[in-house]
C-alpha atoms as a PDB file:
ATOM      1  CA  MET A   1      21.542   0.137  -4.759  1.00  0.00           C
ATOM      2  CA  ILE A   2      23.834   1.839  -7.118  1.00  0.00           C
ATOM      3  CA  LEU A   3      26.057   4.121  -5.705  1.00  0.00           C
ATOM      4  CA  ARG A   4      27.138   7.613  -7.617  1.00  0.00           C
ATOM      5  CA  VAL A   5      30.654   8.133  -7.945  1.00  0.00           C
ATOM      6  CA  GLU A   6      32.980  11.257  -7.383  1.00  0.00           C
ATOM      7  CA  SER A   7      35.921  12.485  -8.478  1.00  0.00           C
ATOM      8  CA  THR A   8      38.054  15.103  -7.547  1.00  0.00           C
ATOM      9  CA  LEU A   9      38.703  17.884  -9.497  1.00  0.00           C
ATOM     10  CA  VAL A  10      41.700  18.839  -7.343  1.00  0.00           C
ATOM     11  CA  GLY A  11      43.031  17.264  -4.213  1.00  0.00           C
ATOM     12  CA  THR A  12      45.454  16.764  -1.703  1.00  0.00           C
ATOM     13  CA  ASP A  13      48.065  13.923  -1.755  1.00  0.00           C
ATOM     14  CA  THR A  14      50.403  12.508   1.075  1.00  0.00           C
ATOM     15  CA  GLU A  15      52.694  14.523   0.665  1.00  0.00           C
ATOM     16  CA  GLN A  16      50.804  17.397   1.823  1.00  0.00           C
ATOM     17  CA  TYR A  17      49.722  15.744   4.652  1.00  0.00           C
ATOM     18  CA  ALA A  18      52.536  15.147   5.714  1.00  0.00           C
ATOM     19  CA  GLY A  19      53.448  18.414   5.682  1.00  0.00           C
ATOM     20  CA  ASN A  20      55.866  18.744   2.859  1.00  0.00           C
ATOM     21  CA  GLY A  21      53.239  21.117   0.704  1.00  0.00           C
ATOM     22  CA  GLN A  22      51.501  20.933  -2.466  1.00  0.00           C
ATOM     23  CA  PRO A  23      51.430  20.449  -5.953  1.00  0.00           C
ATOM     24  CA  HIS A  24      50.123  23.713  -8.343  1.00  0.00           C
ATOM     25  CA  THR A  25      48.026  23.634 -11.593  1.00  0.00           C
ATOM     26  CA  THR A  26      46.960  25.851 -14.294  1.00  0.00           C
ATOM     27  CA  LEU A  27      43.729  26.767 -15.795  1.00  0.00           C
ATOM     28  CA  VAL A  28      44.366  24.497 -18.619  1.00  0.00           C
ATOM     29  CA  GLU A  29      45.327  21.602 -16.603  1.00  0.00           C
ATOM     30  CA  LEU A  30      41.800  22.146 -14.610  1.00  0.00           C
ATOM     31  CA  ALA A  31      40.012  22.507 -17.961  1.00  0.00           C
ATOM     32  CA  ASP A  32      41.416  18.856 -18.835  1.00  0.00           C
ATOM     33  CA  THR A  33      41.129  16.929 -16.069  1.00  0.00           C
ATOM     34  CA  ALA A  34      37.158  18.393 -15.787  1.00  0.00           C
ATOM     35  CA  ARG A  35      36.476  16.869 -19.428  1.00  0.00           C
ATOM     36  CA  ARG A  36      38.135  13.672 -18.739  1.00  0.00           C
ATOM     37  CA  ILE A  37      36.503  13.452 -15.481  1.00  0.00           C
ATOM     38  CA  GLU A  38      32.834  13.680 -17.070  1.00  0.00           C
ATOM     39  CA  THR A  39      33.836  11.360 -20.422  1.00  0.00           C
ATOM     40  CA  LEU A  40      35.047   8.704 -18.382  1.00  0.00           C
ATOM     41  CA  GLY A  41      31.636   8.556 -16.810  1.00  0.00           C
ATOM     42  CA  PHE A  42      31.879   9.961 -13.049  1.00  0.00           C
ATOM     43  CA  ASP A  43      28.583  11.754 -12.007  1.00  0.00           C
ATOM     44  CA  SER A  44      30.022  14.641  -9.548  1.00  0.00           C
ATOM     45  CA  ALA A  45      33.524  16.560  -9.844  1.00  0.00           C
ATOM     46  CA  SER A  46      34.629  18.325  -6.113  1.00  0.00           C
ATOM     47  CA  ALA A  47      37.136  20.475  -4.917  1.00  0.00           C
ATOM     48  CA  PRO A  48      38.305  20.744  -1.610  1.00  0.00           C
ATOM     49  CA  GLU A  49      39.026  24.062   0.836  1.00  0.00           C
ATOM     50  CA  ALA A  50      42.664  22.305   1.466  1.00  0.00           C
ATOM     51  CA  GLY A  51      45.044  25.601   1.048  1.00  0.00           C
ATOM     52  CA  HIS A  52      42.838  26.977  -2.104  1.00  0.00           C
ATOM     53  CA  ASP A  53      39.615  28.563  -2.727  1.00  0.00           C
ATOM     54  CA  PRO A  54      37.038  25.596  -3.485  1.00  0.00           C
ATOM     55  CA  PHE A  55      34.516  27.757  -5.965  1.00  0.00           C
ATOM     56  CA  LEU A  56      36.881  29.019  -8.375  1.00  0.00           C
ATOM     57  CA  PRO A  57      37.929  24.965 -10.477  1.00  0.00           C
ATOM     58  CA  LEU A  58      34.254  25.001 -10.556  1.00  0.00           C
ATOM     59  CA  VAL A  59      33.620  28.047 -11.973  1.00  0.00           C
ATOM     60  CA  ILE A  60      36.324  26.603 -14.868  1.00  0.00           C
ATOM     61  CA  ALA A  61      34.869  22.688 -14.494  1.00  0.00           C
ATOM     62  CA  ALA A  62      31.741  24.819 -15.184  1.00  0.00           C
ATOM     63  CA  ALA A  63      32.695  25.790 -18.524  1.00  0.00           C
ATOM     64  CA  HIS A  64      33.749  22.697 -19.951  1.00  0.00           C
ATOM     65  CA  THR A  65      31.556  19.744 -18.671  1.00  0.00           C
ATOM     66  CA  GLN A  66      27.728  19.068 -19.509  1.00  0.00           C
ATOM     67  CA  ARG A  67      26.566  16.988 -17.505  1.00  0.00           C
ATOM     68  CA  ILE A  68      28.098  16.664 -14.151  1.00  0.00           C
ATOM     69  CA  THR A  69      27.275  17.635 -10.591  1.00  0.00           C
ATOM     70  CA  LEU A  70      30.304  19.887  -9.888  1.00  0.00           C
ATOM     71  CA  GLY A  71      29.956  20.300  -5.658  1.00  0.00           C
ATOM     72  CA  THR A  72      32.315  22.372  -2.874  1.00  0.00           C
ATOM     73  CA  ASN A  73      33.860  19.652  -0.481  1.00  0.00           C
ATOM     74  CA  VAL A  74      33.708  21.305   1.504  1.00  0.00           C
ATOM     75  CA  ALA A  75      33.218  25.048   1.806  1.00  0.00           C
ATOM     76  CA  ILE A  76      35.068  27.233   5.042  1.00  0.00           C
ATOM     77  CA  ALA A  77      31.312  28.773   6.297  1.00  0.00           C
ATOM     78  CA  PHE A  78      31.776  31.387   9.285  1.00  0.00           C
ATOM     79  CA  PRO A  79      35.206  32.722   7.217  1.00  0.00           C
ATOM     80  CA  ARG A  80      32.403  34.311   4.618  1.00  0.00           C
ATOM     81  CA  SER A  81      29.203  35.989   5.568  1.00  0.00           C
ATOM     82  CA  PRO A  82      26.484  33.998   4.101  1.00  0.00           C
ATOM     83  CA  MET A  83      25.621  37.122   1.168  1.00  0.00           C
ATOM     84  CA  VAL A  84      28.872  36.503   0.434  1.00  0.00           C
ATOM     85  CA  THR A  85      28.914  32.575   0.349  1.00  0.00           C
ATOM     86  CA  ALA A  86      25.067  32.929  -1.288  1.00  0.00           C
ATOM     87  CA  GLN A  87      26.255  35.061  -4.525  1.00  0.00           C
ATOM     88  CA  LEU A  88      28.881  32.484  -5.328  1.00  0.00           C
ATOM     89  CA  ALA A  89      26.651  29.787  -5.352  1.00  0.00           C
ATOM     90  CA  TRP A  90      24.272  31.607  -7.102  1.00  0.00           C
ATOM     91  CA  ASP A  91      26.493  32.471  -9.931  1.00  0.00           C
ATOM     92  CA  LEU A  92      28.353  28.911 -10.038  1.00  0.00           C
ATOM     93  CA  GLN A  93      24.158  27.642  -9.944  1.00  0.00           C
ATOM     94  CA  GLN A  94      23.701  29.838 -13.304  1.00  0.00           C
ATOM     95  CA  PHE A  95      26.830  29.203 -14.993  1.00  0.00           C
ATOM     96  CA  SER A  96      26.752  25.450 -14.919  1.00  0.00           C
ATOM     97  CA  GLY A  97      23.206  25.322 -15.673  1.00  0.00           C
ATOM     98  CA  GLY A  98      21.319  24.039 -12.301  1.00  0.00           C
ATOM     99  CA  ARG A  99      24.594  21.484 -11.929  1.00  0.00           C
ATOM    100  CA  PHE A 100      25.570  23.094  -8.224  1.00  0.00           C
ATOM    101  CA  THR A 101      25.794  21.908  -4.998  1.00  0.00           C
ATOM    102  CA  LEU A 102      26.767  23.770  -1.873  1.00  0.00           C
ATOM    103  CA  GLY A 103      29.125  21.573   0.740  1.00  0.00           C
ATOM    104  CA  LEU A 104      29.894  23.400   3.700  1.00  0.00           C
ATOM    105  CA  GLY A 105      31.964  22.922   6.719  1.00  0.00           C
ATOM    106  CA  SER A 106      32.722  24.466  10.234  1.00  0.00           C
ATOM    107  CA  GLN A 107      36.504  23.926  10.232  1.00  0.00           C
ATOM    108  CA  VAL A 108      37.133  23.419  14.321  1.00  0.00           C
ATOM    109  CA  LYS A 109      38.092  26.623  16.547  1.00  0.00           C
ATOM    110  CA  GLY A 110      41.655  26.881  16.002  1.00  0.00           C
ATOM    111  CA  HIS A 111      41.937  27.296  12.168  1.00  0.00           C
ATOM    112  CA  ASN A 112      38.687  29.853  12.241  1.00  0.00           C
ATOM    113  CA  GLU A 113      40.411  32.124  15.075  1.00  0.00           C
ATOM    114  CA  ARG A 114      44.088  31.615  14.092  1.00  0.00           C
ATOM    115  CA  ARG A 115      44.349  30.312   9.932  1.00  0.00           C
ATOM    116  CA  TYR A 116      41.270  32.563   8.993  1.00  0.00           C
ATOM    117  CA  SER A 117      41.109  35.610  11.573  1.00  0.00           C
ATOM    118  CA  THR A 118      37.789  34.461  12.124  1.00  0.00           C
ATOM    119  CA  PRO A 119      35.768  35.355  15.123  1.00  0.00           C
ATOM    120  CA  TRP A 120      34.577  32.023  17.283  1.00  0.00           C
ATOM    121  CA  THR A 121      31.596  33.740  18.705  1.00  0.00           C
ATOM    122  CA  SER A 122      29.535  30.693  19.573  1.00  0.00           C
ATOM    123  CA  GLU A 123      29.460  27.440  19.647  1.00  0.00           C
ATOM    124  CA  PRO A 124      29.511  25.519  16.216  1.00  0.00           C
ATOM    125  CA  GLY A 125      26.871  23.494  15.576  1.00  0.00           C
ATOM    126  CA  PRO A 126      23.431  25.863  16.466  1.00  0.00           C
ATOM    127  CA  ARG A 127      25.540  29.041  13.886  1.00  0.00           C
ATOM    128  CA  MET A 128      25.947  26.561  11.604  1.00  0.00           C
ATOM    129  CA  ARG A 129      21.879  26.105  11.596  1.00  0.00           C
ATOM    130  CA  GLU A 130      21.354  29.712  11.700  1.00  0.00           C
ATOM    131  CA  TYR A 131      23.635  29.966   8.610  1.00  0.00           C
ATOM    132  CA  ILE A 132      22.014  27.683   6.879  1.00  0.00           C
ATOM    133  CA  GLN A 133      18.410  29.213   6.660  1.00  0.00           C
ATOM    134  CA  CYS A 134      19.662  32.693   5.759  1.00  0.00           C
ATOM    135  CA  LEU A 135      21.350  31.199   3.155  1.00  0.00           C
ATOM    136  CA  GLN A 136      17.623  29.545   2.162  1.00  0.00           C
ATOM    137  CA  ALA A 137      15.738  32.925   2.941  1.00  0.00           C
ATOM    138  CA  ILE A 138      18.654  35.039   0.514  1.00  0.00           C
ATOM    139  CA  PHE A 139      18.322  31.903  -2.506  1.00  0.00           C
ATOM    140  CA  ALA A 140      14.638  32.830  -1.877  1.00  0.00           C
ATOM    141  CA  SER A 141      14.868  36.449  -1.956  1.00  0.00           C
ATOM    142  CA  PHE A 142      17.256  36.374  -5.286  1.00  0.00           C
ATOM    143  CA  GLN A 143      14.694  34.281  -7.361  1.00  0.00           C
ATOM    144  CA  ASN A 144      11.784  36.362  -5.445  1.00  0.00           C
ATOM    145  CA  PRO A 145      12.606  40.363  -5.980  1.00  0.00           C
ATOM    146  CA  ARG A 146       9.230  42.003  -5.482  1.00  0.00           C
ATOM    147  CA  LYS A 147       9.085  39.697  -1.985  1.00  0.00           C
ATOM    148  CA  PRO A 148      12.264  38.847  -0.248  1.00  0.00           C
ATOM    149  CA  THR A 149      12.537  36.573   2.466  1.00  0.00           C
ATOM    150  CA  PHE A 150      14.474  38.348   5.647  1.00  0.00           C
ATOM    151  CA  PHE A 151      15.493  36.396   8.353  1.00  0.00           C
ATOM    152  CA  GLU A 152      16.586  37.724  11.819  1.00  0.00           C
ATOM    153  CA  GLY A 153      18.908  34.946  14.425  1.00  0.00           C
ATOM    154  CA  LYS A 154      21.183  35.648  16.434  1.00  0.00           C
ATOM    155  CA  HIS A 155      24.184  35.195  14.834  1.00  0.00           C
ATOM    156  CA  TYR A 156      23.138  36.123  11.248  1.00  0.00           C
ATOM    157  CA  GLN A 157      20.309  38.380   9.990  1.00  0.00           C
ATOM    158  CA  PHE A 158      18.920  39.572   6.458  1.00  0.00           C
ATOM    159  CA  THR A 159      17.247  42.279   6.454  1.00  0.00           C
ATOM    160  CA  LEU A 160      18.239  44.359   3.999  1.00  0.00           C
ATOM    161  CA  LEU A 161      18.073  43.713  -0.473  1.00  0.00           C
ATOM    162  CA  PRO A 162      18.046  46.682  -2.941  1.00  0.00           C
ATOM    163  CA  PRO A 163      16.820  46.121  -6.451  1.00  0.00           C
ATOM    164  CA  PHE A 164      20.340  47.182  -7.335  1.00  0.00           C
ATOM    165  CA  PHE A 165      22.301  44.282  -5.230  1.00  0.00           C
ATOM    166  CA  ASN A 166      19.744  41.089  -6.061  1.00  0.00           C
ATOM    167  CA  PRO A 167      21.023  39.034  -8.968  1.00  0.00           C
ATOM    168  CA  GLY A 168      17.658  38.611 -10.124  1.00  0.00           C
ATOM    169  CA  PRO A 169      15.700  34.645 -10.831  1.00  0.00           C
ATOM    170  CA  ILE A 170      17.913  31.995 -12.804  1.00  0.00           C
ATOM    171  CA  PRO A 171      15.946  29.306 -14.440  1.00  0.00           C
ATOM    172  CA  HIS A 172      17.261  26.336 -11.475  1.00  0.00           C
ATOM    173  CA  PRO A 173      17.052  28.490  -8.117  1.00  0.00           C
ATOM    174  CA  ARG A 174      17.176  25.730  -5.742  1.00  0.00           C
ATOM    175  CA  ILE A 175      20.367  24.934  -4.889  1.00  0.00           C
ATOM    176  CA  PRO A 176      21.159  21.686  -2.579  1.00  0.00           C
ATOM    177  CA  ILE A 177      23.275  22.300   0.251  1.00  0.00           C
ATOM    178  CA  TYR A 178      25.627  19.575   1.954  1.00  0.00           C
ATOM    179  CA  ALA A 179      26.479  20.032   5.789  1.00  0.00           C
ATOM    180  CA  ALA A 180      30.132  18.433   6.045  1.00  0.00           C
ATOM    181  CA  ALA A 181      29.673  16.193   9.395  1.00  0.00           C
ATOM    182  CA  VAL A 182      31.489  13.831  11.778  1.00  0.00           C
ATOM    183  CA  ASN A 183      29.705  14.828  15.301  1.00  0.00           C
ATOM    184  CA  PRO A 184      25.702  13.925  15.968  1.00  0.00           C
ATOM    185  CA  TYR A 185      24.867  17.232  15.942  1.00  0.00           C
ATOM    186  CA  MET A 186      26.148  18.229  12.504  1.00  0.00           C
ATOM    187  CA  ALA A 187      24.556  15.122  11.106  1.00  0.00           C
ATOM    188  CA  ARG A 188      21.098  15.679  12.978  1.00  0.00           C
ATOM    189  CA  LEU A 189      21.483  19.883  11.481  1.00  0.00           C
ATOM    190  CA  ALA A 190      21.525  18.256   7.701  1.00  0.00           C
ATOM    191  CA  GLY A 191      18.538  15.418   8.532  1.00  0.00           C
ATOM    192  CA  GLU A 192      16.751  18.185   9.311  1.00  0.00           C
ATOM    193  CA  LEU A 193      17.904  21.370   6.949  1.00  0.00           C
ATOM    194  CA  CYS A 194      20.251  19.976   4.084  1.00  0.00           C
ATOM    195  CA  ASP A 195      19.759  17.747   1.287  1.00  0.00           C
ATOM    196  CA  GLY A 196      22.436  16.085   1.819  1.00  0.00           C
ATOM    197  CA  LEU A 197      25.861  15.367   4.444  1.00  0.00           C
ATOM    198  CA  ARG A 198      29.251  14.677   3.277  1.00  0.00           C
ATOM    199  CA  LEU A 199      30.753  12.780   5.274  1.00  0.00           C
ATOM    200  CA  HIS A 200      34.525  13.421   6.785  1.00  0.00           C
ATOM    201  CA  PRO A 201      36.842  10.346   6.007  1.00  0.00           C
ATOM    202  CA  VAL A 202      37.841   9.960   9.793  1.00  0.00           C
ATOM    203  CA  ALA A 203      34.298   8.709   9.801  1.00  0.00           C
ATOM    204  CA  THR A 204      34.621   5.128  10.234  1.00  0.00           C
ATOM    205  CA  PHE A 205      32.103   3.336   8.506  1.00  0.00           C
ATOM    206  CA  ARG A 206      30.771   1.480  11.663  1.00  0.00           C
ATOM    207  CA  TYR A 207      30.870   5.042  13.026  1.00  0.00           C
ATOM    208  CA  THR A 208      28.952   6.155  10.082  1.00  0.00           C
ATOM    209  CA  ARG A 209      25.868   3.259  10.959  1.00  0.00           C
ATOM    210  CA  GLU A 210      25.930   3.296  14.387  1.00  0.00           C
ATOM    211  CA  VAL A 211      26.455   6.930  14.863  1.00  0.00           C
ATOM    212  CA  ILE A 212      25.733   8.752  11.709  1.00  0.00           C
ATOM    213  CA  LEU A 213      22.546   7.440   9.883  1.00  0.00           C
ATOM    214  CA  PRO A 214      20.584   7.376  13.240  1.00  0.00           C
ATOM    215  CA  ALA A 215      21.125  10.665  13.918  1.00  0.00           C
ATOM    216  CA  ILE A 216      20.046  11.753  10.358  1.00  0.00           C
ATOM    217  CA  ALA A 217      17.062  10.007  10.106  1.00  0.00           C
ATOM    218  CA  GLY A 218      16.009  11.298  13.871  1.00  0.00           C
ATOM    219  CA  ALA A 219      16.053  14.303  13.017  1.00  0.00           C
ATOM    220  CA  ALA A 220      14.459  14.456   9.634  1.00  0.00           C
ATOM    221  CA  GLN A 221      11.691  12.478  11.216  1.00  0.00           C
ATOM    222  CA  LYS A 222      11.494  15.184  14.150  1.00  0.00           C
ATOM    223  CA  ALA A 223      11.020  17.401  11.185  1.00  0.00           C
ATOM    224  CA  GLY A 224       8.250  15.536   9.053  1.00  0.00           C
ATOM    225  CA  ARG A 225      11.061  15.210   6.677  1.00  0.00           C
ATOM    226  CA  SER A 226      11.580  11.849   3.903  1.00  0.00           C
ATOM    227  CA  THR A 227      15.180  10.388   3.678  1.00  0.00           C
ATOM    228  CA  GLY A 228      14.739   8.843   0.458  1.00  0.00           C
ATOM    229  CA  ASP A 229      16.098  11.286  -1.673  1.00  0.00           C
ATOM    230  CA  PHE A 230      19.074  11.924   1.496  1.00  0.00           C
ATOM    231  CA  ASP A 231      22.250  11.893  -0.495  1.00  0.00           C
ATOM    232  CA  LEU A 232      25.280  10.668   2.306  1.00  0.00           C
ATOM    233  CA  VAL A 233      28.213  11.350   0.362  1.00  0.00           C
ATOM    234  CA  GLY A 234      31.246   9.097   1.750  1.00  0.00           C
ATOM    235  CA  ALA A 235      35.341   9.722   1.258  1.00  0.00           C
ATOM    236  CA  PRO A 236      36.971   6.661   2.424  1.00  0.00           C
ATOM    237  CA  PHE A 237      40.911   6.170   2.710  1.00  0.00           C
ATOM    238  CA  LEU A 238      41.493   3.811   0.030  1.00  0.00           C
ATOM    239  CA  ALA A 239      44.632   1.715  -0.145  1.00  0.00           C
ATOM    240  CA  VAL A 240      45.002   0.084  -3.118  1.00  0.00           C
ATOM    241  CA  GLY A 241      47.759  -0.818  -6.125  1.00  0.00           C
ATOM    242  CA  ARG A 242      48.037  -3.119  -8.383  1.00  0.00           C
ATOM    243  CA  ASN A 243      50.846  -5.733  -6.028  1.00  0.00           C
ATOM    244  CA  VAL A 244      51.297  -6.998  -2.542  1.00  0.00           C
ATOM    245  CA  ASP A 245      54.413  -3.689  -2.884  1.00  0.00           C
ATOM    246  CA  GLU A 246      52.268  -1.228  -3.736  1.00  0.00           C
ATOM    247  CA  LEU A 247      49.393  -2.297  -1.947  1.00  0.00           C
ATOM    248  CA  ALA A 248      52.255  -1.543   1.624  1.00  0.00           C
ATOM    249  CA  LYS A 249      53.086   1.261   0.525  1.00  0.00           C
ATOM    250  CA  ALA A 250      49.589   2.582   0.301  1.00  0.00           C
ATOM    251  CA  ARG A 251      48.468   1.588   3.554  1.00  0.00           C
ATOM    252  CA  ASP A 252      51.737   3.497   4.926  1.00  0.00           C
ATOM    253  CA  ALA A 253      50.580   6.384   2.852  1.00  0.00           C
ATOM    254  CA  ALA A 254      46.863   6.226   4.372  1.00  0.00           C
ATOM    255  CA  ARG A 255      47.972   6.029   7.828  1.00  0.00           C
ATOM    256  CA  GLN A 256      49.545   9.103   6.837  1.00  0.00           C
ATOM    257  CA  GLN A 257      46.541  10.331   6.471  1.00  0.00           C
ATOM    258  CA  ILE A 258      44.316   8.946   9.286  1.00  0.00           C
ATOM    259  CA  ALA A 259      46.948  10.483  11.609  1.00  0.00           C
ATOM    260  CA  PHE A 260      46.536  13.591  10.335  1.00  0.00           C
ATOM    261  CA  TYR A 261      43.029  14.164  10.688  1.00  0.00           C
ATOM    262  CA  ALA A 262      42.719  11.604  13.831  1.00  0.00           C
ATOM    263  CA  SER A 263      44.798  14.528  15.526  1.00  0.00           C
ATOM    264  CA  THR A 264      42.198  16.944  15.651  1.00  0.00           C
ATOM    265  CA  ARG A 265      40.631  16.439  18.588  1.00  0.00           C
ATOM    266  CA  SER A 266      37.072  18.064  17.185  1.00  0.00           C
ATOM    267  CA  TYR A 267      37.295  14.092  15.767  1.00  0.00           C
ATOM    268  CA  HIS A 268      37.723  12.374  18.900  1.00  0.00           C
ATOM    269  CA  ALA A 269      34.652  10.833  19.150  1.00  0.00           C
ATOM    270  CA  VAL A 270      35.199   8.559  16.572  1.00  0.00           C
ATOM    271  CA  LEU A 271      38.033   7.533  18.483  1.00  0.00           C
ATOM    272  CA  ALA A 272      36.223   7.198  21.564  1.00  0.00           C
ATOM    273  CA  HIS A 273      33.712   5.104  19.675  1.00  0.00           C
ATOM    274  CA  HIS A 274      35.848   2.819  19.306  1.00  0.00           C
ATOM    275  CA  GLY A 275      38.071   2.913  22.298  1.00  0.00           C
ATOM    276  CA  TRP A 276      40.497   4.599  20.889  1.00  0.00           C
ATOM    277  CA  GLY A 277      40.741   8.248  23.025  1.00  0.00           C
ATOM    278  CA  GLU A 278      44.468   7.417  24.482  1.00  0.00           C
ATOM    279  CA  VAL A 279      45.527   7.452  20.455  1.00  0.00           C
ATOM    280  CA  GLY A 280      43.741  10.399  19.958  1.00  0.00           C
ATOM    281  CA  THR A 281      45.387  12.151  22.902  1.00  0.00           C
ATOM    282  CA  ARG A 282      49.044  11.001  21.617  1.00  0.00           C
ATOM    283  CA  LEU A 283      48.523  12.137  18.044  1.00  0.00           C
ATOM    284  CA  HIS A 284      47.015  15.196  18.644  1.00  0.00           C
ATOM    285  CA  GLU A 285      50.479  15.990  21.392  1.00  0.00           C
ATOM    286  CA  LEU A 286      52.295  15.576  18.216  1.00  0.00           C
ATOM    287  CA  SER A 287      50.629  17.558  15.885  1.00  0.00           C
ATOM    288  CA  LEU A 288      51.250  20.616  18.420  1.00  0.00           C
ATOM    289  CA  ALA A 289      54.848  19.510  17.854  1.00  0.00           C
ATOM    290  CA  GLY A 290      54.859  19.712  14.375  1.00  0.00           C
ATOM    291  CA  LYS A 291      56.141  16.160  14.833  1.00  0.00           C
ATOM    292  CA  TRP A 292      54.195  15.080  11.859  1.00  0.00           C
ATOM    293  CA  ALA A 293      56.584  11.809  10.816  1.00  0.00           C
ATOM    294  CA  ASP A 294      55.951  10.362  14.303  1.00  0.00           C
ATOM    295  CA  MET A 295      52.504  10.217  13.829  1.00  0.00           C
ATOM    296  CA  PRO A 296      51.822   7.488  11.291  1.00  0.00           C
ATOM    297  CA  PRO A 297      52.626   4.243  13.314  1.00  0.00           C
ATOM    298  CA  LEU A 298      50.180   5.415  16.104  1.00  0.00           C
ATOM    299  CA  ILE A 299      47.709   3.405  13.434  1.00  0.00           C
ATOM    300  CA  THR A 300      47.880  -0.115  13.981  1.00  0.00           C
ATOM    301  CA  ASP A 301      46.815  -2.778  11.112  1.00  0.00           C
ATOM    302  CA  ALA A 302      43.432  -3.201  12.819  1.00  0.00           C
ATOM    303  CA  MET A 303      42.930   0.721  13.007  1.00  0.00           C
ATOM    304  CA  LEU A 304      43.228   1.063   9.595  1.00  0.00           C
ATOM    305  CA  ASP A 305      41.130  -1.485   8.226  1.00  0.00           C
ATOM    306  CA  GLU A 306      38.113   0.389  10.552  1.00  0.00           C
ATOM    307  CA  TRP A 307      39.179   3.146   8.493  1.00  0.00           C
ATOM    308  CA  ALA A 308      40.318   2.130   5.237  1.00  0.00           C
ATOM    309  CA  ILE A 309      39.744  -0.098   2.006  1.00  0.00           C
ATOM    310  CA  THR A 310      42.819  -2.421   1.329  1.00  0.00           C
ATOM    311  CA  ALA A 311      42.479  -3.567  -2.318  1.00  0.00           C
ATOM    312  CA  THR A 312      44.322  -4.661  -5.674  1.00  0.00           C
ATOM    313  CA  TYR A 313      42.679  -2.371  -8.694  1.00  0.00           C
ATOM    314  CA  ASP A 314      41.334  -5.617 -10.138  1.00  0.00           C
ATOM    315  CA  ARG A 315      39.233  -6.125  -7.090  1.00  0.00           C
ATOM    316  CA  LEU A 316      38.646  -2.694  -5.474  1.00  0.00           C
ATOM    317  CA  ALA A 317      34.742  -2.442  -7.356  1.00  0.00           C
ATOM    318  CA  GLU A 318      33.785  -5.556  -5.243  1.00  0.00           C
ATOM    319  CA  ALA A 319      35.617  -4.090  -2.003  1.00  0.00           C
ATOM    320  CA  LEU A 320      33.649  -0.868  -2.485  1.00  0.00           C
ATOM    321  CA  LEU A 321      30.868  -2.290  -2.674  1.00  0.00           C
ATOM    322  CA  ALA A 322      30.718  -4.691   0.234  1.00  0.00           C
ATOM    323  CA  ARG A 323      31.673  -1.607   2.674  1.00  0.00           C
ATOM    324  CA  ALA A 324      29.604   0.748   0.540  1.00  0.00           C
ATOM    325  CA  ASN A 325      26.779   0.333  -0.726  1.00  0.00           C
ATOM    326  CA  GLY A 326      23.098   0.471   1.061  1.00  0.00           C
ATOM    327  CA  LEU A 327      25.709   2.936   2.629  1.00  0.00           C
ATOM    328  CA  TYR A 328      26.250   5.824   1.303  1.00  0.00           C
ATOM    329  CA  ARG A 329      24.277   7.541  -1.815  1.00  0.00           C
ATOM    330  CA  THR A 330      27.566   8.946  -3.317  1.00  0.00           C
ATOM    331  CA  ILE A 331      31.338   7.489  -3.173  1.00  0.00           C
ATOM    332  CA  VAL A 332      33.742   9.799  -3.759  1.00  0.00           C
ATOM    333  CA  LEU A 333      36.946   7.784  -5.242  1.00  0.00           C
ATOM    334  CA  LEU A 334      40.560   9.208  -4.155  1.00  0.00           C
ATOM    335  CA  LEU A 335      42.667   7.501  -5.795  1.00  0.00           C
ATOM    336  CA  PRO A 336      46.649   8.428  -6.012  1.00  0.00           C
ATOM    337  CA  THR A 337      47.498  10.398  -9.499  1.00  0.00           C
ATOM    338  CA  LYS A 338      48.923   7.513 -12.237  1.00  0.00           C
ATOM    339  CA  ALA A 339      45.231   5.478 -11.379  1.00  0.00           C
ATOM    340  CA  ARG A 340      43.150   8.187 -12.368  1.00  0.00           C
ATOM    341  CA  ARG A 341      45.219   8.484 -15.188  1.00  0.00           C
ATOM    342  CA  ASP A 342      44.516   5.378 -16.403  1.00  0.00           C
ATOM    343  CA  THR A 343      41.362   5.266 -19.015  1.00  0.00           C
ATOM    344  CA  ASP A 344      40.693   1.914 -19.239  1.00  0.00           C
ATOM    345  CA  LEU A 345      40.817   0.940 -15.171  1.00  0.00           C
ATOM    346  CA  MET A 346      38.765   4.059 -14.538  1.00  0.00           C
ATOM    347  CA  ARG A 347      35.758   3.416 -17.240  1.00  0.00           C
ATOM    348  CA  GLU A 348      36.261  -0.548 -15.831  1.00  0.00           C
ATOM    349  CA  LEU A 349      35.861   1.036 -11.922  1.00  0.00           C
ATOM    350  CA  ILE A 350      32.823   3.005 -12.883  1.00  0.00           C
ATOM    351  CA  THR A 351      31.014   0.705 -14.308  1.00  0.00           C
ATOM    352  CA  ARG A 352      30.844  -2.018 -12.135  1.00  0.00           C
ATOM    353  CA  LEU A 353      30.426   0.789  -9.285  1.00  0.00           C
ATOM    354  CA  HIS A 354      27.089   1.883 -11.235  1.00  0.00           C
ATOM    355  CA  GLY A 355      26.027  -1.665 -11.441  1.00  0.00           C
ATOM    356  CA  GLY A 356      27.038  -2.892 -15.345  1.00  0.00           C
END
């Protein structure tokens, strides 16, 4: 099986996970990065919602690329109404010539309420299910203005679309929707309704095989859908370098990232699956106290190896294929900036992941 390979258009770095802020970029830099990603042979590029809007960078990328797929990884759903998200997605699909994919995530209750000022009206799973169904109805109505497809649910309704507010048909109306998931409910939702699933990096390889894949397959079968074209997108933690010293530093950086995510209680099902429940509790306590620097040492070497791939650059493709081939359809390469700027390294890595 050949892996599709994705790069981040903009992304997070170790300093951001450690609570030390994040770098800024410009429109010119975004355009240069998008062109470079396409030239190197990547299949897709994505933008996260990690302090910045995930849709805006993709507009720049759409204007400066011709081939690669462009997606949100991921946009937080509930702070945006289905109509707001639908309009953004519809325009990006038009601007990109049909190359846009919509990745959606729910985020946790605390962030919705306290960071986004968004009411938490119910459990996220059922609400996300309606959100996606409402989006699909809006897309159908955009494409067929004379016969709108309305939706009425417990959490969302879409029953009005005057012609003045309908953007109208586009050449590529089918917008692939990807759900972000760590827990089984969202994995089942993806299997039932979506084109793919964007797996959170906190999901280990074993957890993905033993929990996520069966959830997707079971829901798809129940819905009468095939998983043959289902796109499971993995973004594993990578500890990479050119020598032993660089690998040691990279493993420390990976511990920082893992500790940050593993402190979130909504992700503790992964830790519980491995018997690490007490570690998750302690990490959560430290995060509430703002003691980010005290968290990484709780991630042992054994735990790190379950989450991350450690390899020198010359062995990275082999290591990725050994653990990801047959598991993911698409892999997101979360590499250091220095490595991403090494043209020869990136070309060779992508070629090998493509089966060359």
